[in-house]
Amino acid sequence: MLLIVGAVGYWVTTSADSGAPQNEAEERPVSEPRRIMLSGDSMTQGADGDRTWRYHLWNHLSPHVDGLEFVGPYSDPASPDMILPVPTTEGEDPVAPSPGSTGAPSPPDGTGPGEEAPSPGEGDTGGSDGPGGAPPGEAEYEDPDFDQEHNALWGRTLRDASASIGEEVRTYQPDVLCAMLGVNDLLWPVSMEEMEENLRGYVEAARSGNPNLRVVLAEVVPIALADSDEGFALRVYAYNELVREVAQDMSTRTSPVISLDVANKEKWEASADTYDGTHPNADGELKIAAAFADVLSRGYEIGPGYPRPLPISP
C-alpha cells in the first residue's frame, strides 16, 4: 500500500525575526525577485530528449516577469552515460548515487508505436516518455526555447547538495531557491535525524550565500518503489512530514521558507505521471511546473498561477 500522503499543497510561513534588523533595506528580501535557481536531482535536470518541467515553468513565467532569469552552474540535460537506474521494486539494488550521475528520459513526440505525433499546439505538451537516443556524452532538449541554467544533477542526494549549495548561491545570487531533493537519500535506510540535519544544513548553507534568499522546499513525489517497499514508503512519508516542519520552523521575515506538496496538489500518480516509475513524463513535467508556478505566485507574488485545467493526457 502506498503510504505517501499529504494534507496540504504547501505551507507558507513568514514568522517574524526576534529583534529589528540593523538596516531594513539590506535585511529585507528583494521586492521584485527575478533570479530563480531550480535545484534538484534527475527529476529537475531531465535527460536527452526531455523538455523538463523547467521548460514549462520558464514559458509560463517569462511573459509576466520582466528580467526573469534561471540561474545555476549547469545548463544541459543528462546524457545517456550519466544515467543510473532507480529501483522500482523491493529487492532491486540501486547503484550508489554520486554527484554528476544519472536515470532515463523522453522521446520527442511522446507517441507509442504506430501512433502519429500530434501537431504543435494540439495537445502536444512535449516531455519525457522514454530514453533519448543521443550518443554518450551528448544530450539535447526536445525544445531548447527557455533559459536552461539550473542546479540539478542526476543521482544527487540532499547530503551532497548541502555541501555545495552555499557557494552556488553565493556565486549565482538567486533571489529564490526552489529545491526538490531527498529521494535519492531515501533509497537506502537513513535516519530522520540525519535527514533533518541535512535539510536544515541545506537551508542554512544557502542563506550563507544570500541572507535574504526566499526558499521553496518541495516534498518527495511518489515513485513506483513505494508500492512494493514499505520501508522506503515509510521513509518518504516521514521525510515529507519533516520538510513541512523544517520549512515552518526555519521561515523568517527576511528569508521565508515555503514547503510544497506536489503530489497532493496535482494528484500525482507514479503509474500515470512517470515514464519509468520515477522520472516525469510529459504530464508529470506539467504537474511539477504548475505546482511550482502556483507556489511562487501565491507565496512570493512571482507571476500568475498556472492556467487550469492542465493540458494533460486523459
C-alpha atoms as a PDB file:
ATOM      1  CA  MET A   1       0.000   0.000   0.000  1.00  0.00           C
ATOM      2  CA  LEU A   2       1.330   3.393  -0.934  1.00  0.00           C
ATOM      3  CA  LEU A   3       1.886   5.364   2.222  1.00  0.00           C
ATOM      4  CA  ILE A   4       2.827   8.697   0.754  1.00  0.00           C
ATOM      5  CA  VAL A   5       0.105  11.157   1.675  1.00  0.00           C
ATOM      6  CA  GLY A   6      -0.152  14.862   2.216  1.00  0.00           C
ATOM      7  CA  ALA A   7      -2.587  17.120   3.943  1.00  0.00           C
ATOM      8  CA  VAL A   8      -1.931  20.298   2.080  1.00  0.00           C
ATOM      9  CA  GLY A   9      -0.394  21.569  -1.160  1.00  0.00           C
ATOM     10  CA  TYR A  10       2.021  23.866   0.575  1.00  0.00           C
ATOM     11  CA  TRP A  11       2.519  25.806   3.761  1.00  0.00           C
ATOM     12  CA  VAL A  12       3.503  29.429   3.750  1.00  0.00           C
ATOM     13  CA  THR A  13       5.056  30.745   6.915  1.00  0.00           C
ATOM     14  CA  THR A  14       6.594  34.133   7.495  1.00  0.00           C
ATOM     15  CA  SER A  15       7.327  34.241  11.198  1.00  0.00           C
ATOM     16  CA  ALA A  16       8.921  37.468  12.384  1.00  0.00           C
ATOM     17  CA  ASP A  17      12.554  37.649  13.411  1.00  0.00           C
ATOM     18  CA  SER A  18      13.431  38.328  17.020  1.00  0.00           C
ATOM     19  CA  GLY A  19      14.707  41.873  17.037  1.00  0.00           C
ATOM     20  CA  ALA A  20      14.737  44.541  14.363  1.00  0.00           C
ATOM     21  CA  PRO A  21      17.427  44.398  11.676  1.00  0.00           C
ATOM     22  CA  GLN A  22      20.244  46.935  11.700  1.00  0.00           C
ATOM     23  CA  ASN A  23      19.444  48.017   8.155  1.00  0.00           C
ATOM     24  CA  GLU A  24      15.991  47.030   6.949  1.00  0.00           C
ATOM     25  CA  ALA A  25      16.777  47.804   3.312  1.00  0.00           C
ATOM     26  CA  GLU A  26      19.637  45.287   3.405  1.00  0.00           C
ATOM     27  CA  GLU A  27      17.862  42.703   5.553  1.00  0.00           C
ATOM     28  CA  ARG A  28      14.618  42.603   3.580  1.00  0.00           C
ATOM     29  CA  PRO A  29      14.148  40.197   0.603  1.00  0.00           C
ATOM     30  CA  VAL A  30      14.148  41.890  -2.803  1.00  0.00           C
ATOM     31  CA  SER A  31      10.759  43.360  -3.678  1.00  0.00           C
ATOM     32  CA  GLU A  32      10.801  42.077  -7.262  1.00  0.00           C
ATOM     33  CA  PRO A  33      12.615  38.736  -7.327  1.00  0.00           C
ATOM     34  CA  ARG A  34      13.730  37.785 -10.828  1.00  0.00           C
ATOM     35  CA  ARG A  35      16.611  35.333 -10.379  1.00  0.00           C
ATOM     36  CA  ILE A  36      15.415  31.793  -9.678  1.00  0.00           C
ATOM     37  CA  MET A  37      17.616  28.770  -9.006  1.00  0.00           C
ATOM     38  CA  LEU A  38      15.982  25.376  -9.642  1.00  0.00           C
ATOM     39  CA  SER A  39      17.903  22.834  -7.601  1.00  0.00           C
ATOM     40  CA  GLY A  40      17.424  19.090  -7.544  1.00  0.00           C
ATOM     41  CA  ASP A  41      18.226  15.692  -8.962  1.00  0.00           C
ATOM     42  CA  SER A  42      17.232  13.817 -12.127  1.00  0.00           C
ATOM     43  CA  MET A  43      13.610  14.960 -11.935  1.00  0.00           C
ATOM     44  CA  THR A  44      14.799  18.551 -12.344  1.00  0.00           C
ATOM     45  CA  GLN A  45      17.802  18.064 -14.617  1.00  0.00           C
ATOM     46  CA  GLY A  46      15.990  15.858 -17.119  1.00  0.00           C
ATOM     47  CA  ALA A  47      17.769  13.863 -19.800  1.00  0.00           C
ATOM     48  CA  ASP A  48      18.314  13.702 -23.522  1.00  0.00           C
ATOM     49  CA  GLY A  49      15.028  14.316 -25.347  1.00  0.00           C
ATOM     50  CA  ASP A  50      13.214  15.867 -22.382  1.00  0.00           C
ATOM     51  CA  ARG A  51      11.568  19.231 -22.302  1.00  0.00           C
ATOM     52  CA  THR A  52      11.726  19.154 -18.475  1.00  0.00           C
ATOM     53  CA  TRP A  53       9.405  20.915 -16.073  1.00  0.00           C
ATOM     54  CA  ARG A  54      11.869  23.809 -16.125  1.00  0.00           C
ATOM     55  CA  TYR A  55      10.853  24.471 -19.734  1.00  0.00           C
ATOM     56  CA  HIS A  56       7.169  24.734 -18.794  1.00  0.00           C
ATOM     57  CA  LEU A  57       7.842  26.938 -15.767  1.00  0.00           C
ATOM     58  CA  TRP A  58      10.010  29.308 -17.825  1.00  0.00           C
ATOM     59  CA  ASN A  59       7.496  29.658 -20.648  1.00  0.00           C
ATOM     60  CA  HIS A  60       4.736  30.263 -18.124  1.00  0.00           C
ATOM     61  CA  LEU A  61       6.604  32.902 -16.108  1.00  0.00           C
ATOM     62  CA  SER A  62       8.664  34.753 -18.720  1.00  0.00           C
ATOM     63  CA  PRO A  63       5.773  36.699 -20.332  1.00  0.00           C
ATOM     64  CA  HIS A  64       4.782  38.017 -16.889  1.00  0.00           C
ATOM     65  CA  VAL A  65       8.099  38.608 -15.066  1.00  0.00           C
ATOM     66  CA  ASP A  66      10.343  41.296 -16.540  1.00  0.00           C
ATOM     67  CA  GLY A  67      14.011  40.375 -16.428  1.00  0.00           C
ATOM     68  CA  LEU A  68      13.340  36.787 -15.329  1.00  0.00           C
ATOM     69  CA  GLU A  69      16.459  34.631 -15.111  1.00  0.00           C
ATOM     70  CA  PHE A  70      17.007  30.989 -14.230  1.00  0.00           C
ATOM     71  CA  VAL A  71      20.475  30.708 -12.693  1.00  0.00           C
ATOM     72  CA  GLY A  72      22.859  27.925 -11.768  1.00  0.00           C
ATOM     73  CA  PRO A  73      26.102  26.147 -12.666  1.00  0.00           C
ATOM     74  CA  TYR A  74      24.616  23.792 -15.278  1.00  0.00           C
ATOM     75  CA  SER A  75      22.641  24.119 -18.485  1.00  0.00           C
ATOM     76  CA  ASP A  76      22.443  20.641 -20.047  1.00  0.00           C
ATOM     77  CA  PRO A  77      20.148  17.674 -19.531  1.00  0.00           C
ATOM     78  CA  ALA A  78      21.786  14.379 -18.597  1.00  0.00           C
ATOM     79  CA  SER A  79      23.479  12.428 -21.370  1.00  0.00           C
ATOM     80  CA  PRO A  80      22.918   8.642 -21.603  1.00  0.00           C
ATOM     81  CA  ASP A  81      26.251   7.826 -19.931  1.00  0.00           C
ATOM     82  CA  MET A  82      25.232   9.834 -16.855  1.00  0.00           C
ATOM     83  CA  ILE A  83      22.053   7.855 -16.293  1.00  0.00           C
ATOM     84  CA  LEU A  84      21.707   5.459 -13.351  1.00  0.00           C
ATOM     85  CA  PRO A  85      18.648   3.226 -12.904  1.00  0.00           C
ATOM     86  CA  VAL A  86      16.315   3.749  -9.968  1.00  0.00           C
ATOM     87  CA  PRO A  87      14.785   0.602  -8.426  1.00  0.00           C
ATOM     88  CA  THR A  88      11.061   0.131  -8.996  1.00  0.00           C
ATOM     89  CA  THR A  89      10.513  -2.935  -6.792  1.00  0.00           C
ATOM     90  CA  GLU A  90      11.787  -4.069  -3.411  1.00  0.00           C
ATOM     91  CA  GLY A  91      14.962  -6.103  -3.645  1.00  0.00           C
ATOM     92  CA  GLU A  92      16.492  -4.271  -6.580  1.00  0.00           C
ATOM     93  CA  ASP A  93      19.935  -2.951  -5.716  1.00  0.00           C
ATOM     94  CA  PRO A  94      20.272   0.705  -6.713  1.00  0.00           C
ATOM     95  CA  VAL A  95      23.668   1.981  -7.720  1.00  0.00           C
ATOM     96  CA  ALA A  96      25.003   4.352  -5.093  1.00  0.00           C
ATOM     97  CA  PRO A  97      24.460   7.911  -6.360  1.00  0.00           C
ATOM     98  CA  SER A  98      27.319  10.321  -6.745  1.00  0.00           C
ATOM     99  CA  PRO A  99      27.442  13.925  -7.910  1.00  0.00           C
ATOM    100  CA  GLY A 100      27.010  14.083 -11.665  1.00  0.00           C
ATOM    101  CA  SER A 101      25.388  10.682 -12.018  1.00  0.00           C
ATOM    102  CA  THR A 102      22.044  10.000 -13.690  1.00  0.00           C
ATOM    103  CA  GLY A 103      18.158   7.726 -14.583  1.00  0.00           C
ATOM    104  CA  ALA A 104      16.428   7.949 -18.140  1.00  0.00           C
ATOM    105  CA  PRO A 105      14.358  10.374 -20.407  1.00  0.00           C
ATOM    106  CA  SER A 106      11.976  11.150 -23.305  1.00  0.00           C
ATOM    107  CA  PRO A 107      11.188  10.710 -26.991  1.00  0.00           C
ATOM    108  CA  PRO A 108      10.487  13.865 -28.907  1.00  0.00           C
ATOM    109  CA  ASP A 109       6.780  13.368 -29.545  1.00  0.00           C
ATOM    110  CA  GLY A 110       5.590  11.137 -26.686  1.00  0.00           C
ATOM    111  CA  THR A 111       3.866   8.703 -29.061  1.00  0.00           C
ATOM    112  CA  GLY A 112       3.744   4.924 -28.999  1.00  0.00           C
ATOM    113  CA  PRO A 113       4.405   2.504 -31.862  1.00  0.00           C
ATOM    114  CA  GLY A 114       2.179   3.162 -34.857  1.00  0.00           C
ATOM    115  CA  GLU A 115       0.847   6.436 -33.443  1.00  0.00           C
ATOM    116  CA  GLU A 116       1.135   9.748 -35.229  1.00  0.00           C
ATOM    117  CA  ALA A 117       2.864  12.571 -33.442  1.00  0.00           C
ATOM    118  CA  PRO A 118       0.412  15.350 -32.513  1.00  0.00           C
ATOM    119  CA  SER A 119       0.705  18.643 -34.327  1.00  0.00           C
ATOM    120  CA  PRO A 120       2.236  21.508 -32.344  1.00  0.00           C
ATOM    121  CA  GLY A 121      -0.411  23.252 -30.293  1.00  0.00           C
ATOM    122  CA  GLU A 122      -2.812  20.289 -30.456  1.00  0.00           C
ATOM    123  CA  GLY A 123      -2.363  18.752 -27.035  1.00  0.00           C
ATOM    124  CA  ASP A 124       1.360  18.202 -27.518  1.00  0.00           C
ATOM    125  CA  THR A 125       2.896  19.122 -24.201  1.00  0.00           C
ATOM    126  CA  GLY A 126       6.219  17.545 -25.081  1.00  0.00           C
ATOM    127  CA  GLY A 127       8.406  15.943 -22.477  1.00  0.00           C
ATOM    128  CA  SER A 128       9.602  12.609 -21.233  1.00  0.00           C
ATOM    129  CA  ASP A 129       8.168   9.295 -22.260  1.00  0.00           C
ATOM    130  CA  GLY A 130      11.313   7.198 -22.601  1.00  0.00           C
ATOM    131  CA  PRO A 131      15.063   7.351 -23.139  1.00  0.00           C
ATOM    132  CA  GLY A 132      16.512   9.654 -25.764  1.00  0.00           C
ATOM    133  CA  GLY A 133      18.896   8.379 -28.405  1.00  0.00           C
ATOM    134  CA  ALA A 134      21.903  10.658 -28.061  1.00  0.00           C
ATOM    135  CA  PRO A 135      25.378   9.091 -28.044  1.00  0.00           C
ATOM    136  CA  PRO A 136      27.347   9.028 -24.762  1.00  0.00           C
ATOM    137  CA  GLY A 137      28.419  12.472 -23.637  1.00  0.00           C
ATOM    138  CA  GLU A 138      25.792  14.260 -25.712  1.00  0.00           C
ATOM    139  CA  ALA A 139      22.283  15.400 -24.842  1.00  0.00           C
ATOM    140  CA  GLU A 140      19.756  17.865 -26.211  1.00  0.00           C
ATOM    141  CA  TYR A 141      16.441  19.205 -25.033  1.00  0.00           C
ATOM    142  CA  GLU A 142      13.356  18.415 -27.074  1.00  0.00           C
ATOM    143  CA  ASP A 143      12.699  22.153 -27.207  1.00  0.00           C
ATOM    144  CA  PRO A 144      15.605  24.442 -26.223  1.00  0.00           C
ATOM    145  CA  ASP A 145      13.453  27.597 -26.168  1.00  0.00           C
ATOM    146  CA  PHE A 146      13.896  28.510 -22.487  1.00  0.00           C
ATOM    147  CA  ASP A 147      16.526  29.692 -20.022  1.00  0.00           C
ATOM    148  CA  GLN A 148      18.337  26.400 -19.466  1.00  0.00           C
ATOM    149  CA  GLU A 149      20.513  27.277 -16.470  1.00  0.00           C
ATOM    150  CA  HIS A 150      19.849  25.127 -13.419  1.00  0.00           C
ATOM    151  CA  ASN A 151      21.424  23.477 -10.378  1.00  0.00           C
ATOM    152  CA  ALA A 152      20.394  19.838 -10.692  1.00  0.00           C
ATOM    153  CA  LEU A 153      22.303  16.596 -11.217  1.00  0.00           C
ATOM    154  CA  TRP A 154      21.088  13.069 -11.838  1.00  0.00           C
ATOM    155  CA  GLY A 155      21.620  10.971  -8.717  1.00  0.00           C
ATOM    156  CA  ARG A 156      22.230  13.975  -6.472  1.00  0.00           C
ATOM    157  CA  THR A 157      21.413  13.496  -2.818  1.00  0.00           C
ATOM    158  CA  LEU A 158      20.358  16.101  -0.285  1.00  0.00           C
ATOM    159  CA  ARG A 159      23.563  15.344   1.607  1.00  0.00           C
ATOM    160  CA  ASP A 160      25.699  16.137  -1.449  1.00  0.00           C
ATOM    161  CA  ALA A 161      23.667  19.241  -2.290  1.00  0.00           C
ATOM    162  CA  SER A 162      24.059  20.583   1.260  1.00  0.00           C
ATOM    163  CA  ALA A 163      27.828  20.623   0.843  1.00  0.00           C
ATOM    164  CA  SER A 164      27.787  22.825  -2.265  1.00  0.00           C
ATOM    165  CA  ILE A 165      24.663  24.997  -2.119  1.00  0.00           C
ATOM    166  CA  GLY A 166      26.284  27.809  -0.105  1.00  0.00           C
ATOM    167  CA  GLU A 167      28.947  28.500  -2.722  1.00  0.00           C
ATOM    168  CA  GLU A 168      26.441  28.016  -5.570  1.00  0.00           C
ATOM    169  CA  VAL A 169      24.088  30.617  -4.105  1.00  0.00           C
ATOM    170  CA  ARG A 170      26.996  32.945  -3.386  1.00  0.00           C
ATOM    171  CA  THR A 171      28.209  32.637  -6.985  1.00  0.00           C
ATOM    172  CA  TYR A 172      24.900  32.853  -8.872  1.00  0.00           C
ATOM    173  CA  GLN A 173      22.967  35.056  -6.425  1.00  0.00           C
ATOM    174  CA  PRO A 174      19.399  33.786  -6.849  1.00  0.00           C
ATOM    175  CA  ASP A 175      16.556  35.709  -5.253  1.00  0.00           C
ATOM    176  CA  VAL A 176      14.572  32.476  -4.944  1.00  0.00           C
ATOM    177  CA  LEU A 177      15.765  28.896  -4.464  1.00  0.00           C
ATOM    178  CA  CYS A 178      13.366  26.115  -5.495  1.00  0.00           C
ATOM    179  CA  ALA A 179      14.661  22.746  -4.276  1.00  0.00           C
ATOM    180  CA  MET A 180      13.287  19.263  -4.947  1.00  0.00           C
ATOM    181  CA  LEU A 181      15.707  16.834  -3.288  1.00  0.00           C
ATOM    182  CA  GLY A 182      15.778  13.850  -0.952  1.00  0.00           C
ATOM    183  CA  VAL A 183      14.506  10.821  -2.852  1.00  0.00           C
ATOM    184  CA  ASN A 184      17.995   9.507  -3.618  1.00  0.00           C
ATOM    185  CA  ASP A 185      18.952   9.646   0.071  1.00  0.00           C
ATOM    186  CA  LEU A 186      15.833   7.644   0.948  1.00  0.00           C
ATOM    187  CA  LEU A 187      16.636   4.709  -1.351  1.00  0.00           C
ATOM    188  CA  TRP A 188      18.749   3.297   1.494  1.00  0.00           C
ATOM    189  CA  PRO A 189      17.964   3.126   5.213  1.00  0.00           C
ATOM    190  CA  VAL A 190      18.655   6.556   6.688  1.00  0.00           C
ATOM    191  CA  SER A 191      17.531   8.089   9.957  1.00  0.00           C
ATOM    192  CA  MET A 192      15.222  11.063  10.002  1.00  0.00           C
ATOM    193  CA  GLU A 193      17.665  12.732  12.374  1.00  0.00           C
ATOM    194  CA  GLU A 194      20.260  12.639   9.618  1.00  0.00           C
ATOM    195  CA  MET A 195      17.750  13.848   7.016  1.00  0.00           C
ATOM    196  CA  GLU A 196      16.698  16.732   9.275  1.00  0.00           C
ATOM    197  CA  GLU A 197      20.316  17.693   9.834  1.00  0.00           C
ATOM    198  CA  ASN A 198      20.927  17.672   6.074  1.00  0.00           C
ATOM    199  CA  LEU A 199      17.767  19.627   5.303  1.00  0.00           C
ATOM    200  CA  ARG A 200      18.429  22.303   7.906  1.00  0.00           C
ATOM    201  CA  GLY A 201      22.049  22.410   6.805  1.00  0.00           C
ATOM    202  CA  TYR A 202      20.940  22.914   3.210  1.00  0.00           C
ATOM    203  CA  VAL A 203      18.817  25.943   4.075  1.00  0.00           C
ATOM    204  CA  GLU A 204      21.451  27.397   6.396  1.00  0.00           C
ATOM    205  CA  ALA A 205      24.193  26.963   3.794  1.00  0.00           C
ATOM    206  CA  ALA A 206      22.033  28.565   1.107  1.00  0.00           C
ATOM    207  CA  ARG A 207      21.409  31.538   3.386  1.00  0.00           C
ATOM    208  CA  SER A 208      25.132  31.913   3.949  1.00  0.00           C
ATOM    209  CA  GLY A 209      25.326  32.797   0.260  1.00  0.00           C
ATOM    210  CA  ASN A 210      22.316  35.147   0.393  1.00  0.00           C
ATOM    211  CA  PRO A 211      20.786  36.019   3.786  1.00  0.00           C
ATOM    212  CA  ASN A 212      17.646  37.354   2.044  1.00  0.00           C
ATOM    213  CA  LEU A 213      17.026  34.234  -0.008  1.00  0.00           C
ATOM    214  CA  ARG A 214      13.445  33.080  -0.489  1.00  0.00           C
ATOM    215  CA  VAL A 215      13.141  29.294  -0.448  1.00  0.00           C
ATOM    216  CA  VAL A 216      10.684  26.671  -1.706  1.00  0.00           C
ATOM    217  CA  LEU A 217      11.257  23.139  -0.375  1.00  0.00           C
ATOM    218  CA  ALA A 218       9.348  20.503  -2.323  1.00  0.00           C
ATOM    219  CA  GLU A 219       8.367  17.220  -0.742  1.00  0.00           C
ATOM    220  CA  VAL A 220       9.338  13.963  -2.443  1.00  0.00           C
ATOM    221  CA  VAL A 221       6.766  12.816  -5.006  1.00  0.00           C
ATOM    222  CA  PRO A 222       5.712   9.146  -5.027  1.00  0.00           C
ATOM    223  CA  ILE A 223       7.760   6.742  -7.149  1.00  0.00           C
ATOM    224  CA  ALA A 224       6.902   3.147  -8.047  1.00  0.00           C
ATOM    225  CA  LEU A 225       9.256   1.671  -5.442  1.00  0.00           C
ATOM    226  CA  ALA A 226       6.927   2.865  -2.684  1.00  0.00           C
ATOM    227  CA  ASP A 227       4.256   0.411  -3.843  1.00  0.00           C
ATOM    228  CA  SER A 228       6.397  -2.628  -3.041  1.00  0.00           C
ATOM    229  CA  ASP A 229       8.935  -1.430  -0.480  1.00  0.00           C
ATOM    230  CA  GLU A 230       7.206  -0.497   2.758  1.00  0.00           C
ATOM    231  CA  GLY A 231      10.417   0.707   4.370  1.00  0.00           C
ATOM    232  CA  PHE A 232      11.054   3.149   1.540  1.00  0.00           C
ATOM    233  CA  ALA A 233       7.436   4.331   1.596  1.00  0.00           C
ATOM    234  CA  LEU A 234       7.644   4.990   5.337  1.00  0.00           C
ATOM    235  CA  ARG A 235      10.890   6.922   4.913  1.00  0.00           C
ATOM    236  CA  VAL A 236       9.277   9.087   2.230  1.00  0.00           C
ATOM    237  CA  TYR A 237       6.248   9.730   4.421  1.00  0.00           C
ATOM    238  CA  ALA A 238       8.429  10.691   7.394  1.00  0.00           C
ATOM    239  CA  TYR A 239      10.688  12.883   5.265  1.00  0.00           C
ATOM    240  CA  ASN A 240       7.753  14.785   3.770  1.00  0.00           C
ATOM    241  CA  GLU A 241       6.461  15.479   7.262  1.00  0.00           C
ATOM    242  CA  LEU A 242       9.951  16.712   8.073  1.00  0.00           C
ATOM    243  CA  VAL A 243      10.014  19.063   5.076  1.00  0.00           C
ATOM    244  CA  ARG A 244       6.847  20.766   6.301  1.00  0.00           C
ATOM    245  CA  GLU A 245       8.128  21.053   9.869  1.00  0.00           C
ATOM    246  CA  VAL A 246      11.540  22.399   8.869  1.00  0.00           C
ATOM    247  CA  ALA A 247      10.032  24.936   6.459  1.00  0.00           C
ATOM    248  CA  GLN A 248       7.704  26.228   9.136  1.00  0.00           C
ATOM    249  CA  ASP A 249      10.412  26.335  11.788  1.00  0.00           C
ATOM    250  CA  MET A 250      13.130  27.956   9.650  1.00  0.00           C
ATOM    251  CA  SER A 251      10.992  30.538   7.858  1.00  0.00           C
ATOM    252  CA  THR A 252      11.768  34.147   8.813  1.00  0.00           C
ATOM    253  CA  ARG A 253      10.646  37.547   7.624  1.00  0.00           C
ATOM    254  CA  THR A 254      13.933  38.186   5.869  1.00  0.00           C
ATOM    255  CA  SER A 255      14.262  34.677   4.420  1.00  0.00           C
ATOM    256  CA  PRO A 256      10.870  32.962   4.157  1.00  0.00           C
ATOM    257  CA  VAL A 257      10.640  29.226   3.502  1.00  0.00           C
ATOM    258  CA  ILE A 258       7.651  27.531   1.884  1.00  0.00           C
ATOM    259  CA  SER A 259       7.020  23.785   1.673  1.00  0.00           C
ATOM    260  CA  LEU A 260       5.356  22.368  -1.420  1.00  0.00           C
ATOM    261  CA  ASP A 261       3.442  19.091  -1.721  1.00  0.00           C
ATOM    262  CA  VAL A 262       3.402  18.490  -5.487  1.00  0.00           C
ATOM    263  CA  ALA A 263       1.840  15.033  -5.184  1.00  0.00           C
ATOM    264  CA  ASN A 264      -1.212  16.084  -3.189  1.00  0.00           C
ATOM    265  CA  LYS A 265      -1.679  19.371  -5.026  1.00  0.00           C
ATOM    266  CA  GLU A 266      -1.520  17.875  -8.513  1.00  0.00           C
ATOM    267  CA  LYS A 267      -2.917  14.371  -7.798  1.00  0.00           C
ATOM    268  CA  TRP A 268       0.387  12.773  -8.775  1.00  0.00           C
ATOM    269  CA  GLU A 269       0.414   9.073  -9.697  1.00  0.00           C
ATOM    270  CA  ALA A 270       3.689   7.328 -10.492  1.00  0.00           C
ATOM    271  CA  SER A 271       1.950   4.991 -12.944  1.00  0.00           C
ATOM    272  CA  ALA A 272       0.475   7.872 -14.952  1.00  0.00           C
ATOM    273  CA  ASP A 273       2.946  10.724 -14.461  1.00  0.00           C
ATOM    274  CA  THR A 274       6.303   8.978 -14.977  1.00  0.00           C
ATOM    275  CA  TYR A 275       7.775   7.005 -17.869  1.00  0.00           C
ATOM    276  CA  ASP A 276       9.738   4.549 -15.722  1.00  0.00           C
ATOM    277  CA  GLY A 277       8.107   4.672 -12.299  1.00  0.00           C
ATOM    278  CA  THR A 278      10.325   7.578 -11.204  1.00  0.00           C
ATOM    279  CA  HIS A 279      11.041  10.284 -13.785  1.00  0.00           C
ATOM    280  CA  PRO A 280       8.287  12.613 -15.011  1.00  0.00           C
ATOM    281  CA  ASN A 281       6.761  12.085 -18.439  1.00  0.00           C
ATOM    282  CA  ALA A 282       5.101  14.920 -20.357  1.00  0.00           C
ATOM    283  CA  ASP A 283       2.156  15.042 -17.944  1.00  0.00           C
ATOM    284  CA  GLY A 284       4.411  14.815 -14.899  1.00  0.00           C
ATOM    285  CA  GLU A 285       6.558  17.682 -16.136  1.00  0.00           C
ATOM    286  CA  LEU A 286       3.477  19.878 -16.470  1.00  0.00           C
ATOM    287  CA  LYS A 287       2.249  18.973 -12.998  1.00  0.00           C
ATOM    288  CA  ILE A 288       5.568  19.840 -11.335  1.00  0.00           C
ATOM    289  CA  ALA A 289       5.828  23.113 -13.256  1.00  0.00           C
ATOM    290  CA  ALA A 290       2.247  24.050 -12.359  1.00  0.00           C
ATOM    291  CA  ALA A 291       2.785  23.306  -8.657  1.00  0.00           C
ATOM    292  CA  PHE A 292       5.909  25.477  -8.525  1.00  0.00           C
ATOM    293  CA  ALA A 293       4.229  28.249 -10.546  1.00  0.00           C
ATOM    294  CA  ASP A 294       1.327  28.334  -8.105  1.00  0.00           C
ATOM    295  CA  VAL A 295       3.507  28.457  -5.005  1.00  0.00           C
ATOM    296  CA  LEU A 296       5.752  31.160  -6.499  1.00  0.00           C
ATOM    297  CA  SER A 297       2.668  33.202  -7.386  1.00  0.00           C
ATOM    298  CA  ARG A 298       0.774  32.850  -4.123  1.00  0.00           C
ATOM    299  CA  GLY A 299       3.764  32.703  -1.805  1.00  0.00           C
ATOM    300  CA  TYR A 300       6.150  35.218  -3.382  1.00  0.00           C
ATOM    301  CA  GLU A 301       3.967  37.105  -5.900  1.00  0.00           C
ATOM    302  CA  ILE A 302       6.090  35.956  -8.838  1.00  0.00           C
ATOM    303  CA  GLY A 303       3.886  35.682 -11.928  1.00  0.00           C
ATOM    304  CA  PRO A 304       0.352  34.289 -12.090  1.00  0.00           C
ATOM    305  CA  GLY A 305      -0.775  30.812 -11.140  1.00  0.00           C
ATOM    306  CA  TYR A 306      -0.637  28.132 -13.814  1.00  0.00           C
ATOM    307  CA  PRO A 307      -3.691  28.034 -16.124  1.00  0.00           C
ATOM    308  CA  ARG A 308      -6.173  25.255 -15.380  1.00  0.00           C
ATOM    309  CA  PRO A 309      -7.159  22.679 -16.380  1.00  0.00           C
ATOM    310  CA  LEU A 310      -3.720  21.396 -17.287  1.00  0.00           C
ATOM    311  CA  PRO A 311      -3.424  20.129 -20.890  1.00  0.00           C
ATOM    312  CA  ILE A 312      -2.541  16.592 -19.819  1.00  0.00           C
ATOM    313  CA  SER A 313      -3.445  13.238 -21.330  1.00  0.00           C
ATOM    314  CA  PRO A 314      -6.930  11.952 -20.472  1.00  0.00           C
END
